[in-house]
C-alpha atoms as a PDB file:
ATOM      1  CA  UNK A   1       0.000   0.000   0.000  1.00  0.00           C
ATOM      2  CA  UNK A   2       1.372   3.434  -0.875  1.00  0.00           C
ATOM      3  CA  UNK A   3       2.076   5.889   1.921  1.00  0.00           C
ATOM      4  CA  UNK A   4       0.780   8.739  -0.234  1.00  0.00           C
ATOM      5  CA  UNK A   5      -0.131   9.837  -3.718  1.00  0.00           C
ATOM      6  CA  UNK A   6       0.416  12.985  -5.751  1.00  0.00           C
ATOM      7  CA  UNK A   7      -2.277  14.763  -7.761  1.00  0.00           C
ATOM      8  CA  UNK A   8      -1.055  13.169 -10.978  1.00  0.00           C
ATOM      9  CA  UNK A   9      -1.232   9.646  -9.514  1.00  0.00           C
ATOM     10  CA  UNK A  10       2.400   9.030  -8.562  1.00  0.00           C
ATOM     11  CA  UNK A  11       2.472   6.632  -5.640  1.00  0.00           C
ATOM     12  CA  UNK A  12       4.817   7.446  -2.761  1.00  0.00           C
ATOM     13  CA  UNK A  13       6.368   4.821  -0.512  1.00  0.00           C
ATOM     14  CA  UNK A  14       8.498   5.490   2.571  1.00  0.00           C
ATOM     15  CA  UNK A  15      11.493   3.216   3.010  1.00  0.00           C
ATOM     16  CA  UNK A  16      13.612   4.309   5.953  1.00  0.00           C
ATOM     17  CA  UNK A  17      14.915   7.813   5.249  1.00  0.00           C
ATOM     18  CA  UNK A  18      14.153   7.459   1.524  1.00  0.00           C
ATOM     19  CA  UNK A  19      11.055   7.956  -0.579  1.00  0.00           C
ATOM     20  CA  UNK A  20      10.287   5.689  -3.526  1.00  0.00           C
ATOM     21  CA  UNK A  21       8.174   7.393  -6.187  1.00  0.00           C
ATOM     22  CA  UNK A  22       6.277   5.143  -8.608  1.00  0.00           C
ATOM     23  CA  UNK A  23       4.816   6.993 -11.596  1.00  0.00           C
ATOM     24  CA  UNK A  24       3.757   3.802 -13.378  1.00  0.00           C
ATOM     25  CA  UNK A  25       6.681   3.820 -15.806  1.00  0.00           C
ATOM     26  CA  UNK A  26       9.660   4.046 -13.451  1.00  0.00           C
ATOM     27  CA  UNK A  27      10.667   4.072  -9.817  1.00  0.00           C
ATOM     28  CA  UNK A  28      12.705   6.928  -8.385  1.00  0.00           C
ATOM     29  CA  UNK A  29      14.476   6.877  -5.050  1.00  0.00           C
ATOM     30  CA  UNK A  30      15.060  10.171  -3.260  1.00  0.00           C
ATOM     31  CA  UNK A  31      16.131  11.277   0.179  1.00  0.00           C
ATOM     32  CA  UNK A  32      18.846   9.338   1.989  1.00  0.00           C
ATOM     33  CA  UNK A  33      18.511   5.705   0.888  1.00  0.00           C
ATOM     34  CA  UNK A  34      20.285   3.140   3.036  1.00  0.00           C
ATOM     35  CA  UNK A  35      20.907  -0.488   2.067  1.00  0.00           C
ATOM     36  CA  UNK A  36      17.479  -1.586   3.286  1.00  0.00           C
ATOM     37  CA  UNK A  37      15.589   1.091   1.328  1.00  0.00           C
ATOM     38  CA  UNK A  38      17.623   0.308  -1.799  1.00  0.00           C
ATOM     39  CA  UNK A  39      16.748  -3.370  -1.392  1.00  0.00           C
ATOM     40  CA  UNK A  40      13.070  -2.438  -1.094  1.00  0.00           C
ATOM     41  CA  UNK A  41      13.248  -0.328  -4.268  1.00  0.00           C
ATOM     42  CA  UNK A  42      15.048  -3.119  -6.128  1.00  0.00           C
ATOM     43  CA  UNK A  43      12.447  -5.678  -5.032  1.00  0.00           C
ATOM     44  CA  UNK A  44       9.673  -3.365  -6.220  1.00  0.00           C
ATOM     45  CA  UNK A  45      11.458  -2.894  -9.561  1.00  0.00           C
ATOM     46  CA  UNK A  46      11.884  -6.630 -10.087  1.00  0.00           C
ATOM     47  CA  UNK A  47       8.219  -7.252  -9.273  1.00  0.00           C
ATOM     48  CA  UNK A  48       7.112  -4.544 -11.694  1.00  0.00           C
ATOM     49  CA  UNK A  49       9.623  -4.840 -14.540  1.00  0.00           C
ATOM     50  CA  UNK A  50      11.252  -8.277 -14.238  1.00  0.00           C
ATOM     51  CA  UNK A  51      14.775  -9.318 -13.327  1.00  0.00           C
ATOM     52  CA  UNK A  52      16.531  -7.196 -15.950  1.00  0.00           C
ATOM     53  CA  UNK A  53      16.345  -3.584 -14.804  1.00  0.00           C
ATOM     54  CA  UNK A  54      18.357  -0.450 -15.492  1.00  0.00           C
ATOM     55  CA  UNK A  55      19.546   1.885 -12.773  1.00  0.00           C
ATOM     56  CA  UNK A  56      20.305   5.542 -13.381  1.00  0.00           C
ATOM     57  CA  UNK A  57      21.823   8.044 -11.004  1.00  0.00           C
ATOM     58  CA  UNK A  58      25.179   9.050  -9.670  1.00  0.00           C
ATOM     59  CA  UNK A  59      28.050   6.588  -9.727  1.00  0.00           C
ATOM     60  CA  UNK A  60      27.846   6.359  -5.919  1.00  0.00           C
ATOM     61  CA  UNK A  61      24.112   5.579  -6.047  1.00  0.00           C
ATOM     62  CA  UNK A  62      24.582   2.888  -8.702  1.00  0.00           C
ATOM     63  CA  UNK A  63      27.437   1.272  -6.747  1.00  0.00           C
ATOM     64  CA  UNK A  64      25.340   1.235  -3.563  1.00  0.00           C
ATOM     65  CA  UNK A  65      22.384  -0.235  -5.463  1.00  0.00           C
ATOM     66  CA  UNK A  66      24.562  -3.022  -6.865  1.00  0.00           C
ATOM     67  CA  UNK A  67      25.902  -3.802  -3.390  1.00  0.00           C
ATOM     68  CA  UNK A  68      22.353  -3.849  -1.989  1.00  0.00           C
ATOM     69  CA  UNK A  69      21.300  -6.294  -4.695  1.00  0.00           C
ATOM     70  CA  UNK A  70      23.925  -8.866  -3.735  1.00  0.00           C
END
């Protein structure tokens, strides 16, 4: 269940200190994601899009996401 929703229908989920925004086409992680919140976002992405996903963001964010996935 989403923790909130914007006027245009984007679902908002709280995961620790991070917010996961789901606009129906992509997931975006903002705030201060820790390993647990990155794992939550990755699980959501796999459920929605399948096991082959693409991650965008800073090099640090991508490295932390890869480490959270292992």
